[in-house]
Amino acid sequence: MASGDRPPPDLVGKRVVTISTGHRVELPVRLRAQMRGATFAAPFGPVADLLPEGLEPIRATARGHAAVTLLSVEYRDVDVPGLDPYDEFAVVVPAGHDSPAAVPYLSALTRATDGYVWYMPVTTEAARAFGVDVWGYPKVVADITHEDDGSVRETTVTVDDDRFATLEVARPPSFDTEDTGSTYTVENGRLYEVPSRIDADLGGWPFSTEVSVSFGDHPRAAPLRSLDLGPRALGRFVLDGEVYFHRAEPVPVDADPGRRPR
């Protein structure tokens, strides 16, 4: 399967999947992850435009802002025979599939990584196939580099020789925790929810200026650059431990006449 191709319509949602690179994946699958991330407030309307039908942005501030989360991840161990460690950068839009009035406010430290996966560069073709074939994640192969300076990590993502983004996050304090979450994807026109579970050191710090982000000239960066995310994050966070991803489950799309059309 060539980079950017989509899996067959009967592949996403299965418990056992043989992906296009030949790797056999059994769900739920365990990965050992080290993650840095930050969540930024952003204008509600432009963020809503990034979402597929059936999802609404989670309200992130009392003034009605939505949010965008940026994640820099190193997967140091993948419980799939023959699938090597890889790096990943994810753009997640915190969102829910309830009616707009019922969607809760975002907790910048506990629900920031739940939502619609809008873009997900990774460093290997096998990692791309792993995400695309099993869950329908919008993965592309990219160059991802990290530079550490004390507690601060800078991650730069380059796709097709164009810089996509640079994210800098200082590590906050962390503690051992277990939690559950979910992300959303769209495959063959259908909305899916991917449940997940973590058993890891997890930490966060609200309303932080110890972050920075800039977007490059890659075409995919243009909608994010226009959001003007600013120098202050709703929260920054770190995760170091095990993450479990379950199979994708289809989400019924409610034909709510009050829902904003896409």
Protein backbone atom coordinates (compact mmCIF):
# COMPACT_ATOMS: atom_id res chain seq x y z
CA MET A 1 0.00 0.00 0.00
CA ALA A 2 1.54 3.30 -1.07
CA SER A 3 1.97 6.16 1.38
CA GLY A 4 -1.29 8.07 1.68
CA ASP A 5 -3.47 5.17 0.47
CA ARG A 6 -6.35 4.07 2.68
CA PRO A 7 -7.03 0.57 4.00
CA PRO A 8 -9.83 -1.64 2.63
CA PRO A 9 -13.23 -0.74 4.13
CA ASP A 10 -13.45 -4.01 6.12
CA LEU A 11 -10.07 -3.63 7.86
CA VAL A 12 -10.59 -0.87 10.45
CA GLY A 13 -12.42 -2.16 13.53
CA LYS A 14 -11.11 -5.74 13.46
CA ARG A 15 -9.48 -7.37 16.51
CA VAL A 16 -6.67 -8.95 14.51
CA VAL A 17 -5.23 -7.10 11.51
CA THR A 18 -2.39 -7.98 9.15
CA ILE A 19 -1.24 -4.60 7.90
CA SER A 20 0.17 -3.81 4.46
CA THR A 21 3.78 -4.27 5.65
CA GLY A 22 2.98 -7.84 6.74
CA HIS A 23 2.98 -7.19 10.51
CA ARG A 24 0.23 -8.96 12.48
CA VAL A 25 -1.48 -6.74 15.05
CA GLU A 26 -3.64 -8.11 17.87
CA LEU A 27 -5.85 -5.66 19.77
CA PRO A 28 -5.65 -4.22 22.31
CA VAL A 29 -2.00 -3.47 21.59
CA ARG A 30 0.55 -2.18 24.11
CA LEU A 31 3.11 0.52 23.37
CA ARG A 32 5.78 2.01 25.63
CA ALA A 33 5.62 5.78 25.15
CA GLN A 34 7.41 8.94 26.18
CA MET A 35 5.30 11.98 25.36
CA ARG A 36 5.44 15.76 25.65
CA GLY A 37 2.53 17.94 24.68
CA ALA A 38 0.65 21.21 25.05
CA THR A 39 -2.93 22.33 24.59
CA PHE A 40 -3.73 25.78 23.23
CA ALA A 41 -6.97 27.78 23.15
CA ALA A 42 -8.16 28.60 19.63
CA PRO A 43 -11.17 30.27 17.98
CA PHE A 44 -14.21 27.99 18.07
CA GLY A 45 -15.36 28.42 14.47
CA PRO A 46 -12.06 27.70 12.70
CA VAL A 47 -11.44 24.73 14.99
CA ALA A 48 -14.92 23.35 14.29
CA ASP A 49 -14.08 23.51 10.59
CA LEU A 50 -11.26 21.00 11.21
CA LEU A 51 -13.72 18.39 12.47
CA PRO A 52 -15.77 15.83 10.53
CA GLU A 53 -19.54 15.58 10.73
CA GLY A 54 -20.65 14.13 14.05
CA LEU A 55 -18.07 15.87 16.25
CA GLU A 56 -18.16 19.21 18.04
CA PRO A 57 -15.20 21.00 19.69
CA ILE A 58 -15.00 20.80 23.45
CA ARG A 59 -15.26 24.21 25.06
CA ALA A 60 -11.87 25.06 26.52
CA THR A 61 -12.50 28.45 28.13
CA ALA A 62 -15.36 30.37 29.71
CA ARG A 63 -15.25 32.69 26.71
CA GLY A 64 -16.14 29.82 24.41
CA HIS A 65 -12.78 29.01 22.84
CA ALA A 66 -12.05 25.56 21.49
CA ALA A 67 -8.64 23.91 21.76
CA VAL A 68 -5.87 22.24 19.79
CA THR A 69 -3.41 19.76 21.31
CA LEU A 70 0.07 19.08 19.92
CA LEU A 71 1.87 15.89 20.96
CA SER A 72 5.48 14.81 20.49
CA VAL A 73 5.79 11.06 21.13
CA GLU A 74 8.58 8.49 21.16
CA TYR A 75 7.27 4.93 21.04
CA ARG A 76 10.21 2.99 22.47
CA ASP A 77 8.58 -0.43 22.38
CA VAL A 78 5.66 -1.70 20.29
CA ASP A 79 4.00 -5.01 21.16
CA VAL A 80 3.79 -6.05 17.51
CA PRO A 81 6.35 -8.66 16.36
CA GLY A 82 8.90 -7.05 14.03
CA LEU A 83 7.58 -3.49 14.32
CA ASP A 84 10.46 -1.23 15.37
CA PRO A 85 10.23 1.79 17.72
CA TYR A 86 9.23 5.04 16.04
CA ASP A 87 8.50 8.70 16.71
CA GLU A 88 5.22 10.48 16.15
CA PHE A 89 3.77 13.98 16.17
CA ALA A 90 0.02 14.33 16.57
CA VAL A 91 -2.40 17.20 16.09
CA VAL A 92 -5.50 16.42 18.14
CA VAL A 93 -8.67 18.53 18.31
CA PRO A 94 -10.39 17.89 21.66
CA ALA A 95 -13.96 17.05 20.69
CA GLY A 96 -17.03 15.02 21.55
CA HIS A 97 -19.90 13.47 19.64
CA ASP A 98 -22.73 14.58 21.93
CA SER A 99 -24.93 17.57 21.15
CA PRO A 100 -23.11 20.92 21.48
CA ALA A 101 -24.99 21.83 24.68
CA ALA A 102 -23.87 18.62 26.37
CA VAL A 103 -20.20 18.72 25.42
CA PRO A 104 -18.21 19.48 28.62
CA TYR A 105 -15.49 21.99 29.26
CA LEU A 106 -11.99 20.72 28.57
CA SER A 107 -9.67 19.85 31.39
CA ALA A 108 -6.32 20.94 29.99
CA LEU A 109 -4.55 18.28 32.06
CA THR A 110 -6.85 15.24 31.91
CA ARG A 111 -8.78 15.31 28.63
CA ALA A 112 -6.43 17.22 26.36
CA THR A 113 -5.36 14.17 24.34
CA ASP A 114 -8.92 12.95 23.75
CA GLY A 115 -10.44 14.07 20.47
CA TYR A 116 -10.19 13.96 16.71
CA VAL A 117 -6.78 13.08 15.29
CA TRP A 118 -6.37 15.67 12.54
CA TYR A 119 -2.81 14.88 11.44
CA MET A 120 -0.17 12.40 12.57
CA PRO A 121 3.33 12.33 11.04
CA VAL A 122 5.47 9.31 11.97
CA THR A 123 9.04 8.29 11.21
CA THR A 124 8.66 4.89 9.49
CA GLU A 125 6.53 3.31 6.80
CA ALA A 126 5.64 0.44 9.14
CA ALA A 127 4.39 2.94 11.73
CA ARG A 128 2.32 4.67 9.05
CA ALA A 129 0.72 1.39 7.98
CA PHE A 130 0.17 0.45 11.63
CA GLY A 131 -1.91 3.58 12.26
CA VAL A 132 -3.69 3.78 8.92
CA ASP A 133 -4.61 0.12 8.47
CA VAL A 134 -5.66 -0.64 12.05
CA TRP A 135 -7.48 2.56 13.05
CA GLY A 136 -7.64 4.88 10.05
CA TYR A 137 -5.36 7.49 11.64
CA PRO A 138 -4.14 10.16 9.17
CA LYS A 139 -0.48 9.16 9.34
CA VAL A 140 2.24 10.22 6.92
CA VAL A 141 5.96 9.44 6.91
CA ALA A 142 8.06 12.38 8.12
CA ASP A 143 11.38 13.39 9.61
CA ILE A 144 11.03 14.09 13.35
CA THR A 145 13.97 15.37 15.39
CA HIS A 146 14.30 16.14 19.10
CA GLU A 147 16.71 18.44 20.95
CA ASP A 148 16.83 18.37 24.75
CA ASP A 149 18.09 21.24 26.90
CA GLY A 150 17.62 20.40 30.56
CA SER A 151 13.90 19.89 31.14
CA VAL A 152 12.95 21.39 27.76
CA ARG A 153 12.44 19.33 24.61
CA GLU A 154 12.20 20.85 21.15
CA THR A 155 10.64 18.73 18.41
CA THR A 156 10.78 19.65 14.73
CA VAL A 157 8.66 17.88 12.11
CA THR A 158 9.48 17.97 8.40
CA VAL A 159 7.16 16.42 5.81
CA ASP A 160 8.18 16.12 2.14
CA ASP A 161 11.15 18.43 2.79
CA ASP A 162 8.92 21.21 4.17
CA ARG A 163 8.87 22.08 7.86
CA PHE A 164 5.47 21.36 9.34
CA ALA A 165 5.92 22.44 12.96
CA THR A 166 8.33 23.02 15.83
CA LEU A 167 7.10 22.44 19.38
CA GLU A 168 9.01 23.24 22.56
CA VAL A 169 7.72 21.99 25.94
CA ALA A 170 9.27 22.05 29.43
CA ARG A 171 8.70 18.90 31.46
CA PRO A 172 6.22 19.36 34.34
CA PRO A 173 6.15 17.27 37.54
CA SER A 174 4.59 13.81 37.13
CA PHE A 175 3.10 10.98 39.19
CA ASP A 176 2.07 7.39 38.55
CA THR A 177 -1.51 7.02 37.33
CA GLU A 178 -3.93 4.89 35.36
CA ASP A 179 -6.57 6.44 33.12
CA THR A 180 -8.70 5.85 30.06
CA GLY A 181 -9.41 7.97 27.02
CA SER A 182 -10.41 7.89 23.39
CA THR A 183 -9.63 9.42 20.03
CA TYR A 184 -11.69 9.71 16.85
CA THR A 185 -10.89 8.94 13.24
CA VAL A 186 -12.79 8.85 9.96
CA GLU A 187 -12.42 5.92 7.58
CA ASN A 188 -14.36 5.43 4.36
CA GLY A 189 -16.76 8.18 5.41
CA ARG A 190 -17.53 6.63 8.80
CA LEU A 191 -16.67 8.07 12.22
CA TYR A 192 -14.82 5.74 14.61
CA GLU A 193 -13.86 5.99 18.27
CA VAL A 194 -10.61 4.37 19.48
CA PRO A 195 -10.60 3.64 23.23
CA SER A 196 -7.25 3.75 25.02
CA ARG A 197 -5.80 3.15 28.48
CA ILE A 198 -2.62 4.38 30.12
CA ASP A 199 -0.50 3.05 32.99
CA ALA A 200 2.26 5.63 33.27
CA ASP A 201 3.89 8.56 34.98
CA LEU A 202 1.64 11.43 33.95
CA GLY A 203 2.14 15.08 34.76
CA GLY A 204 0.78 18.45 33.81
CA TRP A 205 0.90 22.16 34.51
CA PRO A 206 -1.95 24.57 33.68
CA PHE A 207 -1.77 27.97 32.02
CA SER A 208 1.86 27.71 31.09
CA THR A 209 4.24 29.96 29.18
CA GLU A 210 6.98 27.30 29.21
CA VAL A 211 5.93 26.21 25.73
CA SER A 212 6.29 27.53 22.21
CA VAL A 213 5.04 26.46 18.81
CA SER A 214 5.65 27.65 15.27
CA PHE A 215 4.35 26.29 11.98
CA GLY A 216 6.31 25.99 8.78
CA ASP A 217 5.53 26.21 5.07
CA HIS A 218 4.08 22.75 4.59
CA PRO A 219 0.53 23.09 3.15
CA ARG A 220 -0.94 21.08 6.00
CA ALA A 221 0.35 23.67 8.47
CA ALA A 222 -1.62 26.57 6.96
CA PRO A 223 -4.93 26.00 8.85
CA LEU A 224 -3.05 25.71 12.14
CA ARG A 225 -0.91 28.77 11.48
CA SER A 226 -4.09 30.80 10.93
CA LEU A 227 -5.34 29.89 14.42
CA ASP A 228 -2.65 32.11 16.00
CA LEU A 229 -2.24 29.84 19.03
CA GLY A 230 -0.16 32.37 20.94
CA PRO A 231 2.63 32.07 23.54
CA ARG A 232 0.56 30.64 26.42
CA ALA A 233 -0.85 27.12 26.67
CA LEU A 234 -3.94 26.01 28.56
CA GLY A 235 -1.67 23.26 29.83
CA ARG A 236 1.51 21.33 29.16
CA PHE A 237 1.95 17.69 30.03
CA VAL A 238 4.23 14.68 30.00
CA LEU A 239 3.64 10.93 29.88
CA ASP A 240 6.17 8.14 30.36
CA GLY A 241 4.81 4.60 30.46
CA GLU A 242 2.48 2.13 28.80
CA VAL A 243 -0.37 3.01 26.46
CA TYR A 244 -2.94 0.47 25.26
CA PHE A 245 -5.00 1.03 22.12
CA HIS A 246 -8.18 -0.96 21.53
CA ARG A 247 -10.00 -1.65 18.30
CA ALA A 248 -11.93 1.15 16.60
CA GLU A 249 -15.66 1.21 17.24
CA PRO A 250 -18.11 2.92 14.84
CA VAL A 251 -19.84 6.00 16.26
CA PRO A 252 -23.50 6.52 15.34
CA VAL A 253 -23.91 10.00 13.87
CA ASP A 254 -27.03 11.61 15.24
CA ALA A 255 -28.90 13.69 12.65
CA ASP A 256 -29.39 16.57 15.07
CA PRO A 257 -31.17 19.43 13.24
CA GLY A 258 -29.53 21.90 15.63
CA ARG A 259 -26.02 20.78 14.80
CA ARG A 260 -23.95 23.22 12.78
CA PRO A 261 -23.59 21.97 9.18
CA ARG A 262 -20.10 21.22 7.89
